Amino acid sequence: MRASLREKVIAVCEAKIAQKGEAVGLSFYAFFANKNDDPELLMEAAEWWIKTHELDHFEKAVKIRDMMKAGV
């Protein structure tokens, strides 16, 4: 996963956690606008989330943030 997407994912996770607490869940769609303006980047996130790590549709933001920070 490219560094810019990894940084964005961490920032979004941290914002959601700060706003709603450590129990907040999210999907990979949380990192994108409601319109598909960068399909290549969206597919990169989807592949990491679904194909590589076989994550559920919704996961805890804390888990995703920690995976990103660990470089998983």
PDB file of N, CA and C in Angstrom:
ATOM      1  N   MET A   1       0.843  -1.172   0.000  1.00  0.00           N
ATOM      2  CA  MET A   1       0.000   0.000   0.000  1.00  0.00           C
ATOM      3  C   MET A   1       0.892   1.241   0.000  1.00  0.00           C
ATOM      4  N   ARG A   2       0.531   2.183  -0.835  1.00  0.00           N
ATOM      5  CA  ARG A   2       1.356   3.399  -0.924  1.00  0.00           C
ATOM      6  C   ARG A   2       1.285   4.204   0.376  1.00  0.00           C
ATOM      7  N   ALA A   3       2.385   4.899   0.665  1.00  0.00           N
ATOM      8  CA  ALA A   3       2.535   5.640   1.922  1.00  0.00           C
ATOM      9  C   ALA A   3       1.450   6.693   2.117  1.00  0.00           C
ATOM     10  N   SER A   4       1.054   7.375   1.054  1.00  0.00           N
ATOM     11  CA  SER A   4       0.038   8.426   1.185  1.00  0.00           C
ATOM     12  C   SER A   4      -1.305   7.855   1.630  1.00  0.00           C
ATOM     13  N   LEU A   5      -1.675   6.677   1.128  1.00  0.00           N
ATOM     14  CA  LEU A   5      -2.924   6.047   1.543  1.00  0.00           C
ATOM     15  C   LEU A   5      -2.812   5.563   2.987  1.00  0.00           C
ATOM     16  N   ARG A   6      -1.684   4.987   3.333  1.00  0.00           N
ATOM     17  CA  ARG A   6      -1.458   4.524   4.703  1.00  0.00           C
ATOM     18  C   ARG A   6      -1.598   5.685   5.688  1.00  0.00           C
ATOM     19  N   GLU A   7      -1.019   6.835   5.371  1.00  0.00           N
ATOM     20  CA  GLU A   7      -1.108   8.017   6.232  1.00  0.00           C
ATOM     21  C   GLU A   7      -2.551   8.509   6.349  1.00  0.00           C
ATOM     22  N   LYS A   8      -3.276   8.482   5.242  1.00  0.00           N
ATOM     23  CA  LYS A   8      -4.680   8.915   5.250  1.00  0.00           C
ATOM     24  C   LYS A   8      -5.520   7.984   6.115  1.00  0.00           C
ATOM     25  N   VAL A   9      -5.304   6.686   5.999  1.00  0.00           N
ATOM     26  CA  VAL A   9      -6.045   5.709   6.793  1.00  0.00           C
ATOM     27  C   VAL A   9      -5.800   5.940   8.282  1.00  0.00           C
ATOM     28  N   ILE A  10      -4.551   6.142   8.663  1.00  0.00           N
ATOM     29  CA  ILE A  10      -4.216   6.396  10.070  1.00  0.00           C
ATOM     30  C   ILE A  10      -4.915   7.658  10.554  1.00  0.00           C
ATOM     31  N   ALA A  11      -4.872   8.722   9.765  1.00  0.00           N
ATOM     32  CA  ALA A  11      -5.494   9.996  10.158  1.00  0.00           C
ATOM     33  C   ALA A  11      -7.008   9.848  10.312  1.00  0.00           C
ATOM     34  N   VAL A  12      -7.656   9.157   9.381  1.00  0.00           N
ATOM     35  CA  VAL A  12      -9.102   8.964   9.462  1.00  0.00           C
ATOM     36  C   VAL A  12      -9.451   8.118  10.690  1.00  0.00           C
ATOM     37  N   CYS A  13      -8.703   7.059  10.922  1.00  0.00           N
ATOM     38  CA  CYS A  13      -8.950   6.216  12.095  1.00  0.00           C
ATOM     39  C   CYS A  13      -8.807   7.023  13.379  1.00  0.00           C
ATOM     40  N   GLU A  14      -7.748   7.797  13.477  1.00  0.00           N
ATOM     41  CA  GLU A  14      -7.533   8.584  14.691  1.00  0.00           C
ATOM     42  C   GLU A  14      -8.639   9.617  14.889  1.00  0.00           C
ATOM     43  N   ALA A  15      -9.106  10.223  13.815  1.00  0.00           N
ATOM     44  CA  ALA A  15     -10.201  11.196  13.919  1.00  0.00           C
ATOM     45  C   ALA A  15     -11.490  10.523  14.376  1.00  0.00           C
ATOM     46  N   LYS A  16     -11.802   9.357  13.814  1.00  0.00           N
ATOM     47  CA  LYS A  16     -13.015   8.628  14.200  1.00  0.00           C
ATOM     48  C   LYS A  16     -12.943   8.194  15.660  1.00  0.00           C
ATOM     49  N   ILE A  17     -11.779   7.731  16.087  1.00  0.00           N
ATOM     50  CA  ILE A  17     -11.593   7.297  17.474  1.00  0.00           C
ATOM     51  C   ILE A  17     -11.769   8.484  18.418  1.00  0.00           C
ATOM     52  N   ALA A  18     -11.182   9.610  18.067  1.00  0.00           N
ATOM     53  CA  ALA A  18     -11.297  10.814  18.901  1.00  0.00           C
ATOM     54  C   ALA A  18     -12.744  11.284  18.982  1.00  0.00           C
ATOM     55  N   GLN A  19     -13.470  11.143  17.893  1.00  0.00           N
ATOM     56  CA  GLN A  19     -14.857  11.616  17.814  1.00  0.00           C
ATOM     57  C   GLN A  19     -15.842  10.674  18.505  1.00  0.00           C
ATOM     58  N   LYS A  20     -15.654   9.355  18.318  1.00  0.00           N
ATOM     59  CA  LYS A  20     -16.671   8.406  18.768  1.00  0.00           C
ATOM     60  C   LYS A  20     -16.180   7.364  19.768  1.00  0.00           C
ATOM     61  N   GLY A  21     -14.895   7.397  20.107  1.00  0.00           N
ATOM     62  CA  GLY A  21     -14.370   6.442  21.080  1.00  0.00           C
ATOM     63  C   GLY A  21     -13.709   5.238  20.433  1.00  0.00           C
ATOM     64  N   GLU A  22     -13.046   4.443  21.257  1.00  0.00           N
ATOM     65  CA  GLU A  22     -12.249   3.322  20.759  1.00  0.00           C
ATOM     66  C   GLU A  22     -13.070   2.152  20.221  1.00  0.00           C
ATOM     67  N   ALA A  23     -14.361   2.145  20.475  1.00  0.00           N
ATOM     68  CA  ALA A  23     -15.208   1.055  19.986  1.00  0.00           C
ATOM     69  C   ALA A  23     -15.745   1.306  18.579  1.00  0.00           C
ATOM     70  N   VAL A  24     -15.433   2.462  18.001  1.00  0.00           N
ATOM     71  CA  VAL A  24     -15.985   2.808  16.696  1.00  0.00           C
ATOM     72  C   VAL A  24     -15.449   1.868  15.607  1.00  0.00           C
ATOM     73  N   GLY A  25     -16.361   1.477  14.722  1.00  0.00           N
ATOM     74  CA  GLY A  25     -15.991   0.646  13.589  1.00  0.00           C
ATOM     75  C   GLY A  25     -16.088   1.439  12.298  1.00  0.00           C
ATOM     76  N   LEU A  26     -15.426   0.945  11.270  1.00  0.00           N
ATOM     77  CA  LEU A  26     -15.489   1.581   9.965  1.00  0.00           C
ATOM     78  C   LEU A  26     -15.185   0.577   8.884  1.00  0.00           C
ATOM     79  N   SER A  27     -15.488   0.955   7.651  1.00  0.00           N
ATOM     80  CA  SER A  27     -15.151   0.135   6.494  1.00  0.00           C
ATOM     81  C   SER A  27     -14.106   0.900   5.679  1.00  0.00           C
ATOM     82  N   PHE A  28     -13.556   0.257   4.677  1.00  0.00           N
ATOM     83  CA  PHE A  28     -12.530   0.937   3.875  1.00  0.00           C
ATOM     84  C   PHE A  28     -13.118   2.101   3.085  1.00  0.00           C
ATOM     85  N   TYR A  29     -14.426   2.147   2.937  1.00  0.00           N
ATOM     86  CA  TYR A  29     -15.059   3.280   2.261  1.00  0.00           C
ATOM     87  C   TYR A  29     -14.912   4.576   3.051  1.00  0.00           C
ATOM     88  N   ALA A  30     -14.620   4.478   4.345  1.00  0.00           N
ATOM     89  CA  ALA A  30     -14.477   5.668   5.196  1.00  0.00           C
ATOM     90  C   ALA A  30     -13.304   6.550   4.749  1.00  0.00           C
ATOM     91  N   PHE A  31     -12.416   6.025   3.960  1.00  0.00           N
ATOM     92  CA  PHE A  31     -11.217   6.755   3.545  1.00  0.00           C
ATOM     93  C   PHE A  31     -11.391   7.494   2.222  1.00  0.00           C
ATOM     94  N   PHE A  32     -12.625   7.460   1.673  1.00  0.00           N
ATOM     95  CA  PHE A  32     -12.872   8.034   0.359  1.00  0.00           C
ATOM     96  C   PHE A  32     -14.124   8.899   0.362  1.00  0.00           C
ATOM     97  N   ALA A  33     -14.205   9.785  -0.597  1.00  0.00           N
ATOM     98  CA  ALA A  33     -15.400  10.611  -0.800  1.00  0.00           C
ATOM     99  C   ALA A  33     -16.534   9.708  -1.288  1.00  0.00           C
ATOM    100  N   ASN A  34     -17.734  10.200  -1.244  1.00  0.00           N
ATOM    101  CA  ASN A  34     -18.888   9.413  -1.679  1.00  0.00           C
ATOM    102  C   ASN A  34     -18.896   9.131  -3.174  1.00  0.00           C
ATOM    103  N   LYS A  35     -18.089   9.855  -3.930  1.00  0.00           N
ATOM    104  CA  LYS A  35     -18.020   9.563  -5.356  1.00  0.00           C
ATOM    105  C   LYS A  35     -16.698   8.858  -5.659  1.00  0.00           C
ATOM    106  N   ASN A  36     -16.704   8.054  -6.661  1.00  0.00           N
ATOM    107  CA  ASN A  36     -15.536   7.254  -7.019  1.00  0.00           C
ATOM    108  C   ASN A  36     -14.616   8.064  -7.930  1.00  0.00           C
ATOM    109  N   ASP A  37     -13.860   8.995  -7.335  1.00  0.00           N
ATOM    110  CA  ASP A  37     -13.005   9.863  -8.140  1.00  0.00           C
ATOM    111  C   ASP A  37     -11.581   9.331  -8.310  1.00  0.00           C
ATOM    112  N   ASP A  38     -11.236   8.242  -7.607  1.00  0.00           N
ATOM    113  CA  ASP A  38      -9.920   7.624  -7.768  1.00  0.00           C
ATOM    114  C   ASP A  38     -10.074   6.106  -7.638  1.00  0.00           C
ATOM    115  N   PRO A  39     -10.588   5.459  -8.680  1.00  0.00           N
ATOM    116  CA  PRO A  39     -10.861   4.025  -8.602  1.00  0.00           C
ATOM    117  C   PRO A  39      -9.628   3.176  -8.326  1.00  0.00           C
ATOM    118  N   GLU A  40      -8.484   3.595  -8.810  1.00  0.00           N
ATOM    119  CA  GLU A  40      -7.255   2.837  -8.583  1.00  0.00           C
ATOM    120  C   GLU A  40      -6.902   2.807  -7.088  1.00  0.00           C
ATOM    121  N   LEU A  41      -7.023   3.951  -6.423  1.00  0.00           N
ATOM    122  CA  LEU A  41      -6.724   4.038  -4.998  1.00  0.00           C
ATOM    123  C   LEU A  41      -7.759   3.259  -4.186  1.00  0.00           C
ATOM    124  N   LEU A  42      -9.017   3.368  -4.582  1.00  0.00           N
ATOM    125  CA  LEU A  42     -10.078   2.621  -3.914  1.00  0.00           C
ATOM    126  C   LEU A  42      -9.825   1.120  -4.018  1.00  0.00           C
ATOM    127  N   MET A  43      -9.435   0.650  -5.174  1.00  0.00           N
ATOM    128  CA  MET A  43      -9.153  -0.772  -5.362  1.00  0.00           C
ATOM    129  C   MET A  43      -7.933  -1.210  -4.560  1.00  0.00           C
ATOM    130  N   GLU A  44      -6.970  -0.336  -4.411  1.00  0.00           N
ATOM    131  CA  GLU A  44      -5.794  -0.648  -3.598  1.00  0.00           C
ATOM    132  C   GLU A  44      -6.214  -0.876  -2.140  1.00  0.00           C
ATOM    133  N   ALA A  45      -7.060   0.000  -1.624  1.00  0.00           N
ATOM    134  CA  ALA A  45      -7.547  -0.145  -0.254  1.00  0.00           C
ATOM    135  C   ALA A  45      -8.421  -1.399  -0.124  1.00  0.00           C
ATOM    136  N   ALA A  46      -9.287  -1.622  -1.099  1.00  0.00           N
ATOM    137  CA  ALA A  46     -10.172  -2.791  -1.062  1.00  0.00           C
ATOM    138  C   ALA A  46      -9.368  -4.085  -1.094  1.00  0.00           C
ATOM    139  N   GLU A  47      -8.352  -4.144  -1.913  1.00  0.00           N
ATOM    140  CA  GLU A  47      -7.529  -5.354  -1.989  1.00  0.00           C
ATOM    141  C   GLU A  47      -6.822  -5.614  -0.665  1.00  0.00           C
ATOM    142  N   TRP A  48      -6.259  -4.562  -0.067  1.00  0.00           N
ATOM    143  CA  TRP A  48      -5.588  -4.704   1.232  1.00  0.00           C
ATOM    144  C   TRP A  48      -6.579  -5.216   2.273  1.00  0.00           C
ATOM    145  N   TRP A  49      -7.773  -4.625   2.287  1.00  0.00           N
ATOM    146  CA  TRP A  49      -8.785  -4.918   3.301  1.00  0.00           C
ATOM    147  C   TRP A  49      -9.400  -6.313   3.097  1.00  0.00           C
ATOM    148  N   ILE A  50      -9.839  -6.608   1.876  1.00  0.00           N
ATOM    149  CA  ILE A  50     -10.624  -7.809   1.602  1.00  0.00           C
ATOM    150  C   ILE A  50      -9.751  -9.000   1.217  1.00  0.00           C
ATOM    151  N   LYS A  51      -8.910  -8.796   0.236  1.00  0.00           N
ATOM    152  CA  LYS A  51      -8.154  -9.922  -0.319  1.00  0.00           C
ATOM    153  C   LYS A  51      -6.932 -10.280   0.531  1.00  0.00           C
ATOM    154  N   THR A  52      -6.155  -9.275   0.903  1.00  0.00           N
ATOM    155  CA  THR A  52      -4.917  -9.553   1.637  1.00  0.00           C
ATOM    156  C   THR A  52      -5.179  -9.976   3.078  1.00  0.00           C
ATOM    157  N   HIS A  53      -6.057  -9.233   3.767  1.00  0.00           N
ATOM    158  CA  HIS A  53      -6.245  -9.486   5.200  1.00  0.00           C
ATOM    159  C   HIS A  53      -7.583 -10.135   5.551  1.00  0.00           C
ATOM    160  N   GLU A  54      -8.463 -10.327   4.558  1.00  0.00           N
ATOM    161  CA  GLU A  54      -9.746 -10.985   4.759  1.00  0.00           C
ATOM    162  C   GLU A  54     -10.505 -10.409   5.961  1.00  0.00           C
ATOM    163  N   LEU A  55     -10.557  -9.082   6.032  1.00  0.00           N
ATOM    164  CA  LEU A  55     -11.249  -8.403   7.113  1.00  0.00           C
ATOM    165  C   LEU A  55     -12.744  -8.360   6.850  1.00  0.00           C
ATOM    166  N   ASP A  56     -13.519  -8.244   7.916  1.00  0.00           N
ATOM    167  CA  ASP A  56     -14.965  -8.081   7.790  1.00  0.00           C
ATOM    168  C   ASP A  56     -15.258  -6.715   7.185  1.00  0.00           C
ATOM    169  N   HIS A  57     -16.500  -6.537   6.753  1.00  0.00           N
ATOM    170  CA  HIS A  57     -16.874  -5.251   6.155  1.00  0.00           C
ATOM    171  C   HIS A  57     -16.611  -4.105   7.131  1.00  0.00           C
ATOM    172  N   PHE A  58     -17.008  -4.275   8.386  1.00  0.00           N
ATOM    173  CA  PHE A  58     -16.721  -3.270   9.411  1.00  0.00           C
ATOM    174  C   PHE A  58     -15.713  -3.838  10.394  1.00  0.00           C
ATOM    175  N   GLU A  59     -14.706  -3.046  10.695  1.00  0.00           N
ATOM    176  CA  GLU A  59     -13.677  -3.412  11.672  1.00  0.00           C
ATOM    177  C   GLU A  59     -13.476  -2.245  12.623  1.00  0.00           C
ATOM    178  N   LYS A  60     -12.926  -2.508  13.777  1.00  0.00           N
ATOM    179  CA  LYS A  60     -12.640  -1.457  14.744  1.00  0.00           C
ATOM    180  C   LYS A  60     -11.551  -0.547  14.177  1.00  0.00           C
ATOM    181  N   ALA A  61     -11.758   0.749  14.290  1.00  0.00           N
ATOM    182  CA  ALA A  61     -10.780   1.722  13.791  1.00  0.00           C
ATOM    183  C   ALA A  61      -9.435   1.543  14.483  1.00  0.00           C
ATOM    184  N   VAL A  62      -9.466   1.168  15.765  1.00  0.00           N
ATOM    185  CA  VAL A  62      -8.225   0.948  16.518  1.00  0.00           C
ATOM    186  C   VAL A  62      -7.406  -0.169  15.870  1.00  0.00           C
ATOM    187  N   LYS A  63      -8.071  -1.244  15.480  1.00  0.00           N
ATOM    188  CA  LYS A  63      -7.392  -2.376  14.841  1.00  0.00           C
ATOM    189  C   LYS A  63      -6.744  -1.956  13.521  1.00  0.00           C
ATOM    190  N   ILE A  64      -7.504  -1.239  12.689  1.00  0.00           N
ATOM    191  CA  ILE A  64      -6.987  -0.812  11.390  1.00  0.00           C
ATOM    192  C   ILE A  64      -5.823   0.161  11.578  1.00  0.00           C
ATOM    193  N   ARG A  65      -5.985   1.134  12.479  1.00  0.00           N
ATOM    194  CA  ARG A  65      -4.897   2.092  12.756  1.00  0.00           C
ATOM    195  C   ARG A  65      -3.637   1.358  13.176  1.00  0.00           C
ATOM    196  N   ASP A  66      -3.765   0.408  14.093  1.00  0.00           N
ATOM    197  CA  ASP A  66      -2.598  -0.319  14.596  1.00  0.00           C
ATOM    198  C   ASP A  66      -1.963  -1.170  13.506  1.00  0.00           C
ATOM    199  N   MET A  67      -2.772  -1.774  12.627  1.00  0.00           N
ATOM    200  CA  MET A  67      -2.221  -2.539  11.507  1.00  0.00           C
ATOM    201  C   MET A  67      -1.431  -1.641  10.578  1.00  0.00           C
ATOM    202  N   MET A  68      -1.970  -0.451  10.292  1.00  0.00           N
ATOM    203  CA  MET A  68      -1.291   0.492   9.411  1.00  0.00           C
ATOM    204  C   MET A  68       0.029   0.971  10.020  1.00  0.00           C
ATOM    205  N   LYS A  69       0.006   1.277  11.296  1.00  0.00           N
ATOM    206  CA  LYS A  69       1.225   1.747  11.965  1.00  0.00           C
ATOM    207  C   LYS A  69       2.294   0.667  12.001  1.00  0.00           C
ATOM    208  N   ALA A  70       1.854  -0.598  12.093  1.00  0.00           N
ATOM    209  CA  ALA A  70       2.784  -1.725  12.117  1.00  0.00           C
ATOM    210  C   ALA A  70       3.292  -2.085  10.729  1.00  0.00           C
ATOM    211  N   GLY A  71       2.703  -1.489   9.705  1.00  0.00           N
ATOM    212  CA  GLY A  71       3.137  -1.767   8.338  1.00  0.00           C
ATOM    213  C   GLY A  71       2.614  -3.077   7.797  1.00  0.00           C
ATOM    214  N   VAL A  72       1.529  -3.558   8.376  1.00  0.00           N
ATOM    215  CA  VAL A  72       0.945  -4.843   7.945  1.00  0.00           C
ATOM    216  C   VAL A  72       0.208  -4.657   6.638  1.00  0.00           C
TER     217      VAL A  72
END
